Amino acid sequence: MKKLILIAVALFALQVSAQEEKKEKHNRGERGERMMNLSAEEMATFQTKKMILALDLTESQQSKVQKLNLENATKRKVMMEDRKAKKENGDAKKPTKEERLAMVNARLDHKIAEKAKMKDILNDKQYAKWEKMQARMGKKGKRKGEGKKKGQKRGYDEGKI
């Protein structure tokens, strides 16, 4: 009888912790949706303020960074709205291999241009810190898609088994 009660308590505790973990993941998704509901100006201001705090920017640097962040936020907002409109219309389809390659190249070209602009705006110490921040954000974004892909063994790259 004691064993049954002990097992029931253990299962209950396991269920509660699993629900808390699921709720935590759900809350992180809501934060992303709230950010998407901001206007481009609000997104740029938010990003600029974070950079001001992290990099200790001067007044002239603040205005230049604000302008750059506004350009980026406007571009991102337009792309998000286009994707959302296509999804709602049912026109959303997987891009071809060539289209994906073109998108990746465009994104990398944009990153290179942004990096060059930031190098002009920031001093050496600030630029080094900004690069570290960008690298951390890149790793954070990659963690979202981690996990076992369909038909892929964990720990192995495709074709290297």
Protein backbone atom coordinates (compact mmCIF):
# COMPACT_ATOMS: atom_id res chain seq x y z
CA MET A 1 0.00 0.00 0.00
CA LYS A 2 2.83 2.39 0.88
CA LYS A 3 4.49 1.64 -2.45
CA LEU A 4 1.32 2.53 -4.36
CA ILE A 5 1.00 5.85 -2.55
CA LEU A 6 4.69 6.61 -3.15
CA ILE A 7 4.33 5.85 -6.88
CA ALA A 8 1.19 8.01 -7.12
CA VAL A 9 2.96 10.94 -5.46
CA ALA A 10 5.97 10.57 -7.76
CA LEU A 11 3.76 10.51 -10.87
CA PHE A 12 1.85 13.55 -9.66
CA ALA A 13 5.09 15.48 -9.06
CA LEU A 14 6.35 14.51 -12.52
CA GLN A 15 3.10 15.68 -14.14
CA VAL A 16 3.23 19.05 -12.36
CA SER A 17 6.82 19.72 -13.40
CA ALA A 18 6.04 18.80 -17.02
CA GLN A 19 3.12 21.24 -17.08
CA GLU A 20 5.27 24.04 -15.65
CA GLU A 21 7.89 23.43 -18.35
CA LYS A 22 5.23 23.52 -21.06
CA LYS A 23 3.79 26.76 -19.63
CA GLU A 24 7.26 28.32 -19.59
CA LYS A 25 7.79 27.49 -23.27
CA HIS A 26 4.38 28.95 -24.10
CA ASN A 27 5.19 32.21 -22.30
CA ARG A 28 8.39 32.63 -24.33
CA GLY A 29 6.31 32.36 -27.49
CA GLU A 30 3.97 35.10 -26.28
CA ARG A 31 6.92 37.46 -25.82
CA GLY A 32 7.89 36.97 -29.46
CA GLU A 33 4.34 37.73 -30.55
CA ARG A 34 4.29 40.91 -28.48
CA MET A 35 7.49 42.03 -30.18
CA MET A 36 5.94 41.38 -33.59
CA ASN A 37 2.99 43.61 -32.69
CA LEU A 38 5.28 46.61 -32.16
CA SER A 39 5.70 49.17 -34.93
CA ALA A 40 9.05 49.47 -36.72
CA GLU A 41 9.80 52.70 -34.82
CA GLU A 42 9.10 51.04 -31.47
CA MET A 43 11.25 48.04 -32.37
CA ALA A 44 14.11 50.34 -33.45
CA THR A 45 13.85 52.42 -30.28
CA PHE A 46 13.82 49.31 -28.10
CA GLN A 47 16.88 47.88 -29.88
CA THR A 48 18.72 51.21 -29.72
CA LYS A 49 18.08 51.60 -25.98
CA LYS A 50 19.44 48.11 -25.35
CA MET A 51 22.55 49.02 -27.33
CA ILE A 52 22.95 52.33 -25.48
CA LEU A 53 22.95 50.47 -22.17
CA ALA A 54 25.27 47.72 -23.34
CA LEU A 55 27.76 49.82 -25.35
CA ASP A 56 27.62 53.22 -23.61
CA LEU A 57 27.01 55.14 -26.86
CA THR A 58 27.59 58.87 -27.31
CA GLU A 59 24.80 61.18 -28.55
CA SER A 60 26.02 61.13 -32.16
CA GLN A 61 26.41 57.35 -32.06
CA GLN A 62 22.89 57.03 -30.63
CA SER A 63 21.32 58.93 -33.52
CA LYS A 64 23.27 56.94 -36.13
CA VAL A 65 22.43 53.61 -34.49
CA GLN A 66 18.77 54.64 -34.17
CA LYS A 67 18.66 55.41 -37.90
CA LEU A 68 20.29 52.05 -38.78
CA ASN A 69 17.98 50.14 -36.43
CA LEU A 70 14.95 51.90 -37.92
CA GLU A 71 15.98 50.86 -41.44
CA ASN A 72 16.46 47.26 -40.30
CA ALA A 73 13.20 47.17 -38.32
CA THR A 74 11.23 48.61 -41.24
CA LYS A 75 12.68 46.03 -43.60
CA ARG A 76 11.97 43.20 -41.11
CA LYS A 77 8.41 44.42 -40.50
CA VAL A 78 7.65 44.50 -44.24
CA MET A 79 9.01 40.98 -44.67
CA MET A 80 6.98 39.69 -41.70
CA GLU A 81 3.80 41.25 -43.05
CA ASP A 82 4.41 39.79 -46.51
CA ARG A 83 4.89 36.31 -45.04
CA LYS A 84 1.79 36.71 -42.88
CA ALA A 85 -0.30 37.86 -45.87
CA LYS A 86 0.88 34.93 -47.99
CA LYS A 87 0.11 32.52 -45.17
CA GLU A 88 -3.42 33.92 -44.74
CA ASN A 89 -4.12 33.87 -48.48
CA GLY A 90 -2.92 30.30 -48.78
CA ASP A 91 -0.16 31.34 -51.19
CA ALA A 92 2.54 30.17 -48.78
CA LYS A 93 4.65 27.49 -50.37
CA LYS A 94 8.10 26.17 -49.69
CA PRO A 95 10.75 28.07 -51.61
CA THR A 96 12.78 26.22 -54.21
CA LYS A 97 16.45 25.50 -53.65
CA GLU A 98 17.42 28.50 -55.79
CA GLU A 99 15.03 30.81 -53.92
CA ARG A 100 16.43 29.65 -50.55
CA LEU A 101 19.97 30.25 -51.80
CA ALA A 102 19.01 33.74 -52.98
CA MET A 103 17.41 34.52 -49.60
CA VAL A 104 20.47 33.30 -47.70
CA ASN A 105 22.78 35.36 -49.93
CA ALA A 106 20.62 38.46 -49.48
CA ARG A 107 20.60 38.00 -45.70
CA LEU A 108 24.38 37.56 -45.60
CA ASP A 109 24.92 40.62 -47.83
CA HIS A 110 22.72 42.63 -45.46
CA LYS A 111 24.70 41.40 -42.44
CA ILE A 112 28.00 42.35 -44.11
CA ALA A 113 26.69 45.84 -44.90
CA GLU A 114 25.33 46.24 -41.35
CA LYS A 115 28.66 45.14 -39.89
CA ALA A 116 30.52 47.70 -42.01
CA LYS A 117 28.13 50.48 -40.93
CA MET A 118 28.49 49.53 -37.27
CA LYS A 119 32.28 49.52 -37.61
CA ASP A 120 32.08 53.12 -38.87
CA ILE A 121 29.78 54.18 -36.02
CA LEU A 122 31.37 52.43 -33.03
CA ASN A 123 34.87 52.68 -31.61
CA ASP A 124 37.05 49.55 -31.43
CA LYS A 125 36.07 48.55 -27.89
CA GLN A 126 32.34 49.05 -28.56
CA TYR A 127 32.58 47.20 -31.86
CA ALA A 128 34.25 44.19 -30.22
CA LYS A 129 31.50 44.09 -27.58
CA TRP A 130 28.80 44.45 -30.26
CA GLU A 131 30.28 41.50 -32.19
CA LYS A 132 30.17 39.37 -29.03
CA MET A 133 26.52 40.35 -28.56
CA GLN A 134 25.74 39.38 -32.15
CA ALA A 135 27.50 36.02 -31.77
CA ARG A 136 25.51 35.29 -28.60
CA MET A 137 22.25 36.17 -30.33
CA GLY A 138 23.18 33.92 -33.24
CA LYS A 139 23.75 30.98 -30.93
CA LYS A 140 20.49 31.71 -29.14
CA GLY A 141 18.59 31.61 -32.43
CA LYS A 142 20.15 28.29 -33.41
CA ARG A 143 18.98 26.70 -30.17
CA LYS A 144 15.35 27.22 -31.17
CA GLY A 145 15.61 24.76 -34.04
CA GLU A 146 17.69 22.19 -32.22
CA GLY A 147 16.43 18.72 -31.84
CA LYS A 148 16.19 15.53 -33.75
CA LYS A 149 15.07 16.02 -37.32
CA LYS A 150 12.88 13.47 -39.00
CA GLY A 151 14.96 10.60 -40.30
CA GLN A 152 18.19 11.94 -38.81
CA LYS A 153 20.13 10.16 -36.08
CA ARG A 154 21.16 12.28 -33.14
CA GLY A 155 24.83 13.23 -33.13
CA TYR A 156 25.47 12.56 -36.78
CA ASP A 157 25.56 14.95 -39.72
CA GLU A 158 23.73 14.03 -42.88
CA GLY A 159 25.70 11.58 -44.96
CA LYS A 160 28.38 11.00 -42.31
CA ILE A 161 27.16 7.82 -40.65
